[in-house]
């Protein structure tokens, strides 16, 4: 019989200063991850434009007709507003070409450095008459002072059931715009940080009962691990599992070498183990990374900024 220690000798490794074996790119240099609300979209039954004209906080940039595009456009008219003291802005879209589309849509965009702040969001929501329906929430995680980059995300990032899609020149994607969730990773030059974005669509929000900003604390508890999880394939766990299945040493070495060649993409490696090696629960051979602690800490700080629903709101709150 071939021992696990002998098999491990055939698997590439590097050693850290304390002598423990680790794959490359796991040693995070330091420590900063900030969670932000980057974008928010609502559908409306009544036109809110008049409420924001001559507003002391928001400045009107005027309205215009949207240019025709090859992609489907649900609205043909847009009126833009900006915050007078920050980079926050929002658009009110109207005149949908089809009757089944809600009459109005408002999209809020956060300042690149701070994201959308609670006072900015609630400052808009309190002026909406007739309620609203939350249709999109975009959460951004900005990493600074770490080795988190596109390669790191591809190698160790799992995002629920979202599968990797063809990458652009500067951006990687998981999921689709038509699905419940779209994930993007890219360098954000405006703030000098690496950004991971989760674009949560109506299907996702309905499934988890996210109706308005009062539910953002629930969202902050839901996303870490279930929809953002950094992990690596633990070779010793894999070898132990394969040995218990009765595979020979040569077969285990061949599988481990194949997995090692696929580790630039954890999705590719796990797909091989599931489809070819027939490991039904591939998570049994995974080990979580310390990056998850950064993510959980960022979401904890994020949720502390957003209030929980306590009292019955007025008509414009959107919560029923």
Protein backbone atom coordinates (compact mmCIF):
# COMPACT_ATOMS: atom_id res chain seq x y z
CA UNK A 1 0.00 0.00 0.00
CA UNK A 2 1.12 3.57 -0.72
CA UNK A 3 0.93 5.93 2.25
CA UNK A 4 -0.68 9.37 2.17
CA UNK A 5 2.72 10.88 3.01
CA UNK A 6 4.28 9.22 -0.02
CA UNK A 7 1.46 10.43 -2.26
CA UNK A 8 1.82 13.99 -0.97
CA UNK A 9 5.42 14.06 -2.17
CA UNK A 10 4.09 14.01 -5.73
CA UNK A 11 1.90 17.12 -5.21
CA UNK A 12 3.51 20.58 -5.64
CA UNK A 13 3.68 22.67 -2.45
CA UNK A 14 5.42 25.66 -0.93
CA UNK A 15 6.35 26.09 2.73
CA UNK A 16 5.55 29.05 4.93
CA UNK A 17 7.95 30.40 7.55
CA UNK A 18 6.34 28.33 10.32
CA UNK A 19 6.92 25.16 8.33
CA UNK A 20 3.30 24.40 7.47
CA UNK A 21 2.53 23.40 3.94
CA UNK A 22 0.27 25.67 1.91
CA UNK A 23 -0.48 26.22 -1.76
CA UNK A 24 0.65 29.54 -3.27
CA UNK A 25 -1.36 32.75 -2.89
CA UNK A 26 -2.88 31.93 0.51
CA UNK A 27 -0.70 34.25 2.61
CA UNK A 28 -2.75 37.45 2.78
CA UNK A 29 -0.47 40.39 3.53
CA UNK A 30 -2.94 42.43 5.59
CA UNK A 31 -6.27 43.19 6.00
CA UNK A 32 -8.81 45.43 4.79
CA UNK A 33 -12.18 44.57 3.32
CA UNK A 34 -15.02 47.09 3.15
CA UNK A 35 -18.62 46.20 2.34
CA UNK A 36 -20.74 48.83 0.56
CA UNK A 37 -24.17 49.17 -0.95
CA UNK A 38 -23.22 50.15 -4.50
CA UNK A 39 -26.54 50.23 -6.34
CA UNK A 40 -30.25 49.98 -5.55
CA UNK A 41 -33.16 49.71 -7.98
CA UNK A 42 -36.89 50.09 -7.32
CA UNK A 43 -39.99 49.92 -9.49
CA UNK A 44 -42.75 52.46 -8.87
CA UNK A 45 -46.38 53.04 -9.77
CA UNK A 46 -46.31 56.84 -9.41
CA UNK A 47 -43.94 59.45 -10.81
CA UNK A 48 -41.67 60.84 -8.03
CA UNK A 49 -39.83 63.42 -10.16
CA UNK A 50 -41.67 66.51 -8.87
CA UNK A 51 -40.72 65.71 -5.27
CA UNK A 52 -37.00 66.05 -6.07
CA UNK A 53 -37.11 69.28 -8.07
CA UNK A 54 -35.72 72.24 -6.03
CA UNK A 55 -34.71 69.77 -3.31
CA UNK A 56 -32.17 71.05 -0.73
CA UNK A 57 -30.07 67.85 -0.88
CA UNK A 58 -30.52 66.61 -4.47
CA UNK A 59 -29.79 68.63 -7.60
CA UNK A 60 -31.62 68.04 -10.88
CA UNK A 61 -29.44 67.36 -13.93
CA UNK A 62 -32.39 67.34 -16.30
CA UNK A 63 -34.18 64.70 -18.30
CA UNK A 64 -33.47 63.22 -21.72
CA UNK A 65 -34.58 60.51 -24.08
CA UNK A 66 -32.52 57.34 -23.88
CA UNK A 67 -30.54 56.36 -26.95
CA UNK A 68 -31.58 53.23 -28.79
CA UNK A 69 -29.49 50.15 -28.08
CA UNK A 70 -29.12 46.60 -29.38
CA UNK A 71 -30.06 45.41 -25.89
CA UNK A 72 -33.67 45.58 -24.74
CA UNK A 73 -34.45 48.87 -23.00
CA UNK A 74 -37.40 48.77 -20.59
CA UNK A 75 -37.66 52.59 -20.50
CA UNK A 76 -37.24 55.39 -23.03
CA UNK A 77 -36.94 58.48 -20.81
CA UNK A 78 -34.61 59.26 -17.88
CA UNK A 79 -34.25 62.18 -15.44
CA UNK A 80 -30.99 62.39 -13.45
CA UNK A 81 -30.34 63.84 -10.01
CA UNK A 82 -27.14 64.11 -7.99
CA UNK A 83 -26.35 64.64 -4.32
CA UNK A 84 -25.12 68.18 -3.71
CA UNK A 85 -22.20 67.17 -1.44
CA UNK A 86 -21.24 63.60 -2.45
CA UNK A 87 -20.84 61.46 -5.56
CA UNK A 88 -24.20 59.76 -5.02
CA UNK A 89 -26.69 60.08 -7.90
CA UNK A 90 -29.91 58.49 -9.13
CA UNK A 91 -32.07 58.30 -12.23
CA UNK A 92 -35.84 58.15 -12.61
CA UNK A 93 -36.80 56.24 -15.75
CA UNK A 94 -40.21 56.43 -17.38
CA UNK A 95 -42.26 55.78 -20.52
CA UNK A 96 -41.87 52.00 -20.86
CA UNK A 97 -42.58 50.68 -24.37
CA UNK A 98 -44.74 47.79 -23.06
CA UNK A 99 -47.70 47.75 -20.68
CA UNK A 100 -46.43 44.94 -18.44
CA UNK A 101 -43.39 47.02 -17.39
CA UNK A 102 -43.91 49.16 -14.23
CA UNK A 103 -44.55 52.82 -15.14
CA UNK A 104 -41.45 54.14 -13.35
CA UNK A 105 -38.09 52.90 -12.16
CA UNK A 106 -35.57 54.61 -9.91
CA UNK A 107 -31.92 53.49 -9.67
CA UNK A 108 -29.57 54.81 -6.97
CA UNK A 109 -25.77 54.78 -7.51
CA UNK A 110 -23.37 55.16 -4.61
CA UNK A 111 -20.24 57.25 -4.32
CA UNK A 112 -17.25 55.07 -5.31
CA UNK A 113 -15.55 55.61 -1.95
CA UNK A 114 -18.47 55.31 0.46
CA UNK A 115 -21.21 53.49 -1.44
CA UNK A 116 -24.84 54.37 -0.77
CA UNK A 117 -25.23 55.64 2.79
CA UNK A 118 -28.40 55.01 4.84
CA UNK A 119 -29.25 58.72 5.05
CA UNK A 120 -28.99 59.00 1.25
CA UNK A 121 -31.18 55.97 0.61
CA UNK A 122 -33.85 56.87 3.15
CA UNK A 123 -33.72 60.48 1.96
CA UNK A 124 -34.94 59.23 -1.41
CA UNK A 125 -37.38 56.60 -0.14
CA UNK A 126 -39.24 58.97 2.15
CA UNK A 127 -40.34 61.02 -0.88
CA UNK A 128 -41.75 58.07 -2.85
CA UNK A 129 -45.55 58.01 -2.89
CA UNK A 130 -47.55 54.81 -3.35
CA UNK A 131 -44.84 52.39 -2.24
CA UNK A 132 -42.18 50.60 -4.25
CA UNK A 133 -40.85 47.16 -5.15
CA UNK A 134 -37.18 46.37 -4.63
CA UNK A 135 -35.84 44.77 -7.83
CA UNK A 136 -32.03 44.96 -7.54
CA UNK A 137 -29.44 45.25 -4.77
CA UNK A 138 -25.74 45.45 -5.62
CA UNK A 139 -23.24 44.81 -2.84
CA UNK A 140 -19.54 45.65 -3.31
CA UNK A 141 -16.62 44.22 -1.35
CA UNK A 142 -13.46 46.32 -1.73
CA UNK A 143 -10.17 44.61 -0.79
CA UNK A 144 -7.10 46.66 0.07
CA UNK A 145 -3.61 45.65 1.19
CA UNK A 146 -4.12 41.99 0.33
CA UNK A 147 -3.24 39.59 -2.45
CA UNK A 148 -6.90 39.29 -3.42
CA UNK A 149 -7.05 39.77 -7.20
CA UNK A 150 -8.67 38.17 -10.24
CA UNK A 151 -6.42 35.12 -10.04
CA UNK A 152 -7.13 34.66 -6.33
CA UNK A 153 -10.90 34.93 -6.83
CA UNK A 154 -10.86 32.38 -9.68
CA UNK A 155 -8.66 30.02 -7.68
CA UNK A 156 -10.54 30.10 -4.37
CA UNK A 157 -13.94 31.83 -4.77
CA UNK A 158 -17.30 30.04 -4.65
CA UNK A 159 -20.56 32.00 -5.02
CA UNK A 160 -23.41 29.67 -4.23
CA UNK A 161 -24.64 27.97 -7.40
CA UNK A 162 -23.35 30.71 -9.71
CA UNK A 163 -21.03 29.23 -12.32
CA UNK A 164 -18.14 31.05 -14.06
CA UNK A 165 -18.89 32.69 -17.39
CA UNK A 166 -16.55 33.92 -20.17
CA UNK A 167 -14.34 36.68 -18.78
CA UNK A 168 -13.81 40.13 -20.21
CA UNK A 169 -10.43 41.85 -20.55
CA UNK A 170 -10.55 43.27 -17.03
CA UNK A 171 -13.53 41.51 -15.41
CA UNK A 172 -14.49 37.96 -14.42
CA UNK A 173 -18.13 36.88 -14.16
CA UNK A 174 -20.19 34.23 -12.36
CA UNK A 175 -23.92 33.78 -12.91
CA UNK A 176 -26.00 35.73 -15.45
CA UNK A 177 -28.01 38.95 -15.69
CA UNK A 178 -31.15 36.88 -16.27
CA UNK A 179 -30.52 34.63 -13.27
CA UNK A 180 -30.96 35.35 -9.58
CA UNK A 181 -27.41 36.63 -9.09
CA UNK A 182 -24.47 38.04 -11.07
CA UNK A 183 -20.99 38.21 -9.53
CA UNK A 184 -18.15 40.35 -10.93
CA UNK A 185 -14.52 40.78 -9.89
CA UNK A 186 -12.22 43.51 -11.19
CA UNK A 187 -9.72 46.20 -10.24
CA UNK A 188 -11.40 49.51 -9.36
CA UNK A 189 -8.89 52.24 -10.37
CA UNK A 190 -11.07 55.10 -9.05
CA UNK A 191 -10.40 53.98 -5.47
CA UNK A 192 -7.26 51.87 -5.97
CA UNK A 193 -8.84 48.68 -4.62
CA UNK A 194 -9.87 45.27 -5.91
CA UNK A 195 -13.65 44.92 -6.05
CA UNK A 196 -15.95 41.92 -5.81
CA UNK A 197 -19.57 42.77 -6.70
CA UNK A 198 -22.73 40.78 -6.08
CA UNK A 199 -25.69 41.92 -8.17
CA UNK A 200 -28.78 40.43 -6.53
CA UNK A 201 -31.86 40.30 -8.77
CA UNK A 202 -35.60 40.14 -8.10
CA UNK A 203 -35.70 36.35 -7.94
CA UNK A 204 -33.03 36.27 -5.25
CA UNK A 205 -34.67 39.08 -3.25
CA UNK A 206 -38.11 37.42 -3.36
CA UNK A 207 -36.72 34.04 -2.38
CA UNK A 208 -35.07 35.48 0.73
CA UNK A 209 -37.83 38.00 1.52
CA UNK A 210 -35.64 41.07 1.08
CA UNK A 211 -38.21 43.85 0.60
CA UNK A 212 -36.46 47.08 1.59
CA UNK A 213 -33.36 48.46 3.39
CA UNK A 214 -34.77 47.32 6.74
CA UNK A 215 -33.88 43.79 5.59
CA UNK A 216 -30.22 44.54 4.87
CA UNK A 217 -29.15 43.08 8.22
CA UNK A 218 -30.70 39.79 7.12
CA UNK A 219 -28.89 40.09 3.81
CA UNK A 220 -25.57 40.64 5.61
CA UNK A 221 -26.05 37.40 7.53
CA UNK A 222 -27.12 35.44 4.46
CA UNK A 223 -24.36 36.26 1.95
CA UNK A 224 -21.16 35.17 3.78
CA UNK A 225 -20.45 31.44 3.27
CA UNK A 226 -23.73 30.73 1.44
CA UNK A 227 -23.02 33.09 -1.48
CA UNK A 228 -19.43 34.24 -0.87
CA UNK A 229 -16.99 31.60 0.28
CA UNK A 230 -13.23 31.32 -0.17
CA UNK A 231 -11.89 27.81 0.07
CA UNK A 232 -9.23 25.45 -1.24
CA UNK A 233 -9.04 21.76 -2.01
CA UNK A 234 -7.34 20.03 0.92
CA UNK A 235 -5.11 17.36 -0.62
CA UNK A 236 -4.93 15.29 2.56
CA UNK A 237 -8.72 15.20 2.81
CA UNK A 238 -8.91 14.24 -0.87
CA UNK A 239 -6.32 11.51 -0.51
CA UNK A 240 -8.00 10.12 2.60
CA UNK A 241 -11.36 10.03 0.82
CA UNK A 242 -9.90 8.27 -2.23
CA UNK A 243 -8.06 5.71 -0.07
CA UNK A 244 -11.28 4.89 1.81
CA UNK A 245 -12.91 4.28 -1.58
CA UNK A 246 -10.29 1.64 -2.27
CA UNK A 247 -8.29 3.38 -5.02
CA UNK A 248 -4.69 2.35 -5.57
CA UNK A 249 -1.75 4.67 -4.89
CA UNK A 250 -1.13 5.11 -8.61
CA UNK A 251 -4.76 6.07 -9.22
CA UNK A 252 -4.70 8.56 -6.36
CA UNK A 253 -1.48 10.15 -7.65
CA UNK A 254 -2.99 10.48 -11.13
CA UNK A 255 -6.15 12.14 -9.76
CA UNK A 256 -4.18 14.50 -7.50
CA UNK A 257 -1.94 15.58 -10.36
CA UNK A 258 -4.97 16.24 -12.54
CA UNK A 259 -6.63 18.26 -9.77
CA UNK A 260 -3.43 20.24 -9.21
CA UNK A 261 -3.37 21.20 -12.89
CA UNK A 262 -6.94 22.52 -12.61
CA UNK A 263 -6.51 24.53 -9.43
CA UNK A 264 -6.27 27.85 -11.24
CA UNK A 265 -10.06 27.56 -11.24
CA UNK A 266 -11.67 25.96 -8.22
CA UNK A 267 -14.84 25.45 -10.26
CA UNK A 268 -12.94 23.42 -12.86
CA UNK A 269 -11.24 21.32 -10.18
CA UNK A 270 -14.49 20.63 -8.32
CA UNK A 271 -16.29 19.83 -11.58
CA UNK A 272 -13.62 17.22 -12.38
CA UNK A 273 -13.92 15.65 -8.92
CA UNK A 274 -17.71 15.54 -9.15
CA UNK A 275 -18.12 14.35 -12.74
CA UNK A 276 -15.04 12.24 -13.36
CA UNK A 277 -14.00 11.02 -9.91
CA UNK A 278 -17.65 10.68 -8.83
CA UNK A 279 -17.38 12.51 -5.50
CA UNK A 280 -20.98 13.51 -4.88
CA UNK A 281 -20.31 15.92 -2.01
CA UNK A 282 -17.14 17.69 -3.14
CA UNK A 283 -17.25 20.09 -0.17
CA UNK A 284 -16.01 17.28 2.07
CA UNK A 285 -12.52 17.80 0.59
CA UNK A 286 -12.48 21.60 1.05
CA UNK A 287 -10.88 23.79 3.71
CA UNK A 288 -12.06 27.41 4.22
CA UNK A 289 -9.56 30.28 4.00
CA UNK A 290 -8.94 33.18 6.36
CA UNK A 291 -10.29 35.58 3.74
CA UNK A 292 -13.74 34.56 4.95
CA UNK A 293 -13.00 36.29 8.26
CA UNK A 294 -12.36 39.55 6.40
CA UNK A 295 -15.64 39.14 4.53
CA UNK A 296 -17.67 38.36 7.64
CA UNK A 297 -16.14 41.31 9.47
CA UNK A 298 -16.97 43.65 6.57
CA UNK A 299 -20.60 42.48 6.51
CA UNK A 300 -20.85 42.89 10.29
CA UNK A 301 -19.79 46.54 9.99
CA UNK A 302 -22.11 47.02 7.03
CA UNK A 303 -25.17 45.64 8.85
CA UNK A 304 -24.50 47.86 11.88
CA UNK A 305 -25.14 50.94 9.70
CA UNK A 306 -28.59 49.84 8.56
CA UNK A 307 -31.61 49.94 10.91
CA UNK A 308 -33.99 47.06 11.52
CA UNK A 309 -37.72 47.48 11.00
CA UNK A 310 -39.42 48.26 14.30
CA UNK A 311 -42.42 50.52 13.78
CA UNK A 312 -45.09 50.65 11.09
CA UNK A 313 -43.78 52.98 8.36
CA UNK A 314 -45.82 55.49 6.40
CA UNK A 315 -47.28 54.87 2.95
CA UNK A 316 -44.06 55.60 1.10
CA UNK A 317 -41.95 53.01 2.88
CA UNK A 318 -42.71 50.18 0.46
CA UNK A 319 -43.11 47.60 3.27
CA UNK A 320 -46.51 45.98 3.54
